[in-house]
Amino acid sequence: MPTRRMGWRRLLVITSEFHMPRSEEIFRWIFGLDSPKSYELEFAASPNDGLSAAALSARRAHELAGLQNVLELRAQLTSLRALAAWLFTAHRQYQAIRESELIADGELLESY
């Protein structure tokens, strides 16, 4: 991991409040695979300001579904090698997007 090569052991993860539960789970998972006691992770969330109630509700539902996916993957991918193989072959972010998969939910789209 680049953090290991750079000697970074204390990390502060900053993201939006609605995104924090999934982000925290991901960071604890990934940095726990490397050397669980090697990193000190801190988390800070920015408020959900500027989003309508409908957009925030849609985003929270989206993030909850994403968190469930992360928990399932965490149970399956128990090494950095397995995680990297999945990330670069199966993760949708690295695949070509089909038109039918574009975000159609206007409230959710507002949160991007």
C-alpha atoms as a PDB file:
ATOM      1  CA  MET A   1       0.000   0.000   0.000  1.00  0.00           C
ATOM      2  CA  PRO A   2       1.254   3.516  -0.713  1.00  0.00           C
ATOM      3  CA  THR A   3       0.575   4.466   2.897  1.00  0.00           C
ATOM      4  CA  ARG A   4       3.053   1.823   4.037  1.00  0.00           C
ATOM      5  CA  ARG A   5       5.721   2.995   1.599  1.00  0.00           C
ATOM      6  CA  MET A   6       5.229   6.618   2.636  1.00  0.00           C
ATOM      7  CA  GLY A   7       5.337   5.721   6.325  1.00  0.00           C
ATOM      8  CA  TRP A   8       1.864   7.123   6.954  1.00  0.00           C
ATOM      9  CA  ARG A   9       0.368   5.490  10.040  1.00  0.00           C
ATOM     10  CA  ARG A  10      -2.136   8.095  11.217  1.00  0.00           C
ATOM     11  CA  LEU A  11      -4.887   8.734   8.697  1.00  0.00           C
ATOM     12  CA  LEU A  12      -7.772  11.179   8.833  1.00  0.00           C
ATOM     13  CA  VAL A  13     -10.671  10.324   6.531  1.00  0.00           C
ATOM     14  CA  ILE A  14     -12.996  13.242   5.781  1.00  0.00           C
ATOM     15  CA  THR A  15     -16.217  12.771   3.863  1.00  0.00           C
ATOM     16  CA  SER A  16     -19.865  13.777   3.981  1.00  0.00           C
ATOM     17  CA  GLU A  17     -22.045  12.680   6.867  1.00  0.00           C
ATOM     18  CA  PHE A  18     -24.289  10.541   4.653  1.00  0.00           C
ATOM     19  CA  HIS A  19     -21.255   8.736   3.242  1.00  0.00           C
ATOM     20  CA  MET A  20     -19.407   8.174   6.539  1.00  0.00           C
ATOM     21  CA  PRO A  21     -20.808   4.775   7.669  1.00  0.00           C
ATOM     22  CA  ARG A  22     -19.804   3.086   4.409  1.00  0.00           C
ATOM     23  CA  SER A  23     -16.488   4.942   4.189  1.00  0.00           C
ATOM     24  CA  GLU A  24     -15.538   4.036   7.736  1.00  0.00           C
ATOM     25  CA  GLU A  25     -16.372   0.381   7.139  1.00  0.00           C
ATOM     26  CA  ILE A  26     -14.273   0.340   3.969  1.00  0.00           C
ATOM     27  CA  PHE A  27     -11.252   2.019   5.560  1.00  0.00           C
ATOM     28  CA  ARG A  28     -11.324  -0.209   8.639  1.00  0.00           C
ATOM     29  CA  TRP A  29     -11.610  -3.268   6.365  1.00  0.00           C
ATOM     30  CA  ILE A  30      -8.839  -2.303   3.936  1.00  0.00           C
ATOM     31  CA  PHE A  31      -6.366  -1.091   6.521  1.00  0.00           C
ATOM     32  CA  GLY A  32      -7.176  -4.058   8.743  1.00  0.00           C
ATOM     33  CA  LEU A  33      -6.156  -6.430   5.928  1.00  0.00           C
ATOM     34  CA  ASP A  34      -2.687  -4.893   5.717  1.00  0.00           C
ATOM     35  CA  SER A  35      -1.694  -4.871   9.376  1.00  0.00           C
ATOM     36  CA  PRO A  36      -4.592  -4.346  11.765  1.00  0.00           C
ATOM     37  CA  LYS A  37      -2.580  -2.624  14.460  1.00  0.00           C
ATOM     38  CA  SER A  38      -0.332  -0.604  12.124  1.00  0.00           C
ATOM     39  CA  TYR A  39      -2.728   2.248  11.433  1.00  0.00           C
ATOM     40  CA  GLU A  40      -4.519   4.836  13.523  1.00  0.00           C
ATOM     41  CA  LEU A  41      -7.673   5.846  11.683  1.00  0.00           C
ATOM     42  CA  GLU A  42      -9.702   8.934  12.506  1.00  0.00           C
ATOM     43  CA  PHE A  43     -12.919   9.994  10.804  1.00  0.00           C
ATOM     44  CA  ALA A  44     -14.546  13.415  10.401  1.00  0.00           C
ATOM     45  CA  ALA A  45     -17.836  14.042   8.641  1.00  0.00           C
ATOM     46  CA  SER A  46     -18.992  17.232   6.969  1.00  0.00           C
ATOM     47  CA  PRO A  47     -22.670  18.114   7.410  1.00  0.00           C
ATOM     48  CA  ASN A  48     -25.266  17.246   4.793  1.00  0.00           C
ATOM     49  CA  ASP A  49     -25.901  20.930   4.103  1.00  0.00           C
ATOM     50  CA  GLY A  50     -27.380  21.944   0.784  1.00  0.00           C
ATOM     51  CA  LEU A  51     -29.333  18.770   0.062  1.00  0.00           C
ATOM     52  CA  SER A  52     -33.090  18.680  -0.038  1.00  0.00           C
ATOM     53  CA  ALA A  53     -34.839  16.289   2.325  1.00  0.00           C
ATOM     54  CA  ALA A  54     -35.771  14.082  -0.647  1.00  0.00           C
ATOM     55  CA  ALA A  55     -32.189  13.998  -1.958  1.00  0.00           C
ATOM     56  CA  LEU A  56     -30.815  13.213   1.476  1.00  0.00           C
ATOM     57  CA  SER A  57     -33.339  10.425   1.957  1.00  0.00           C
ATOM     58  CA  ALA A  58     -32.469   8.935  -1.448  1.00  0.00           C
ATOM     59  CA  ARG A  59     -28.751   9.213  -0.704  1.00  0.00           C
ATOM     60  CA  ARG A  60     -29.064   7.578   2.717  1.00  0.00           C
ATOM     61  CA  ALA A  61     -30.975   4.659   1.165  1.00  0.00           C
ATOM     62  CA  HIS A  62     -28.300   4.348  -1.541  1.00  0.00           C
ATOM     63  CA  GLU A  63     -25.508   4.416   1.038  1.00  0.00           C
ATOM     64  CA  LEU A  64     -27.247   1.813   3.215  1.00  0.00           C
ATOM     65  CA  ALA A  65     -27.453  -0.542   0.234  1.00  0.00           C
ATOM     66  CA  GLY A  66     -23.785   0.163  -0.484  1.00  0.00           C
ATOM     67  CA  LEU A  67     -22.858  -0.585   3.118  1.00  0.00           C
ATOM     68  CA  GLN A  68     -24.608  -3.946   2.878  1.00  0.00           C
ATOM     69  CA  ASN A  69     -22.583  -4.713  -0.255  1.00  0.00           C
ATOM     70  CA  VAL A  70     -19.359  -3.788   1.540  1.00  0.00           C
ATOM     71  CA  LEU A  71     -20.209  -6.069   4.464  1.00  0.00           C
ATOM     72  CA  GLU A  72     -20.840  -8.962   2.068  1.00  0.00           C
ATOM     73  CA  LEU A  73     -17.593  -8.318   0.206  1.00  0.00           C
ATOM     74  CA  ARG A  74     -15.655  -8.011   3.446  1.00  0.00           C
ATOM     75  CA  ALA A  75     -16.728 -11.536   4.380  1.00  0.00           C
ATOM     76  CA  GLN A  76     -15.555 -12.873   1.003  1.00  0.00           C
ATOM     77  CA  LEU A  77     -12.383 -10.892   0.339  1.00  0.00           C
ATOM     78  CA  THR A  78     -10.041 -11.519   3.235  1.00  0.00           C
ATOM     79  CA  SER A  79      -6.673 -10.568   1.745  1.00  0.00           C
ATOM     80  CA  LEU A  80      -5.288  -7.598  -0.152  1.00  0.00           C
ATOM     81  CA  ARG A  81      -4.581  -9.899  -3.104  1.00  0.00           C
ATOM     82  CA  ALA A  82      -8.210 -11.068  -3.266  1.00  0.00           C
ATOM     83  CA  LEU A  83      -9.463  -7.514  -2.862  1.00  0.00           C
ATOM     84  CA  ALA A  84      -7.209  -6.217  -5.657  1.00  0.00           C
ATOM     85  CA  ALA A  85      -8.283  -9.027  -7.986  1.00  0.00           C
ATOM     86  CA  TRP A  86     -11.948  -8.198  -7.370  1.00  0.00           C
ATOM     87  CA  LEU A  87     -11.400  -4.439  -7.610  1.00  0.00           C
ATOM     88  CA  PHE A  88      -9.749  -4.572 -11.005  1.00  0.00           C
ATOM     89  CA  THR A  89     -11.953  -7.247 -12.566  1.00  0.00           C
ATOM     90  CA  ALA A  90     -15.430  -7.049 -11.044  1.00  0.00           C
ATOM     91  CA  HIS A  91     -15.988  -3.607  -9.487  1.00  0.00           C
ATOM     92  CA  ARG A  92     -18.552  -1.696 -11.549  1.00  0.00           C
ATOM     93  CA  GLN A  93     -16.555   1.542 -11.323  1.00  0.00           C
ATOM     94  CA  TYR A  94     -13.919   0.058 -13.611  1.00  0.00           C
ATOM     95  CA  GLN A  95     -16.327  -1.412 -16.153  1.00  0.00           C
ATOM     96  CA  ALA A  96     -17.852   0.429 -19.094  1.00  0.00           C
ATOM     97  CA  ILE A  97     -21.164   1.983 -18.060  1.00  0.00           C
ATOM     98  CA  ARG A  98     -24.184   0.960 -20.061  1.00  0.00           C
ATOM     99  CA  GLU A  99     -26.838   3.625 -20.680  1.00  0.00           C
ATOM    100  CA  SER A 100     -29.393   1.551 -18.791  1.00  0.00           C
ATOM    101  CA  GLU A 101     -27.256   1.768 -15.647  1.00  0.00           C
ATOM    102  CA  LEU A 102     -27.039   5.558 -15.463  1.00  0.00           C
ATOM    103  CA  ILE A 103     -28.614   7.105 -12.397  1.00  0.00           C
ATOM    104  CA  ALA A 104     -32.249   7.848 -13.185  1.00  0.00           C
ATOM    105  CA  ASP A 105     -33.357   8.886  -9.697  1.00  0.00           C
ATOM    106  CA  GLY A 106     -33.409  12.719  -9.696  1.00  0.00           C
ATOM    107  CA  GLU A 107     -33.229  12.980  -5.905  1.00  0.00           C
ATOM    108  CA  LEU A 108     -30.223  10.670  -5.728  1.00  0.00           C
ATOM    109  CA  LEU A 109     -28.559  12.454  -8.656  1.00  0.00           C
ATOM    110  CA  GLU A 110     -28.829  15.743  -6.720  1.00  0.00           C
ATOM    111  CA  SER A 111     -26.429  14.368  -4.086  1.00  0.00           C
ATOM    112  CA  TYR A 112     -23.547  13.909  -6.545  1.00  0.00           C
END
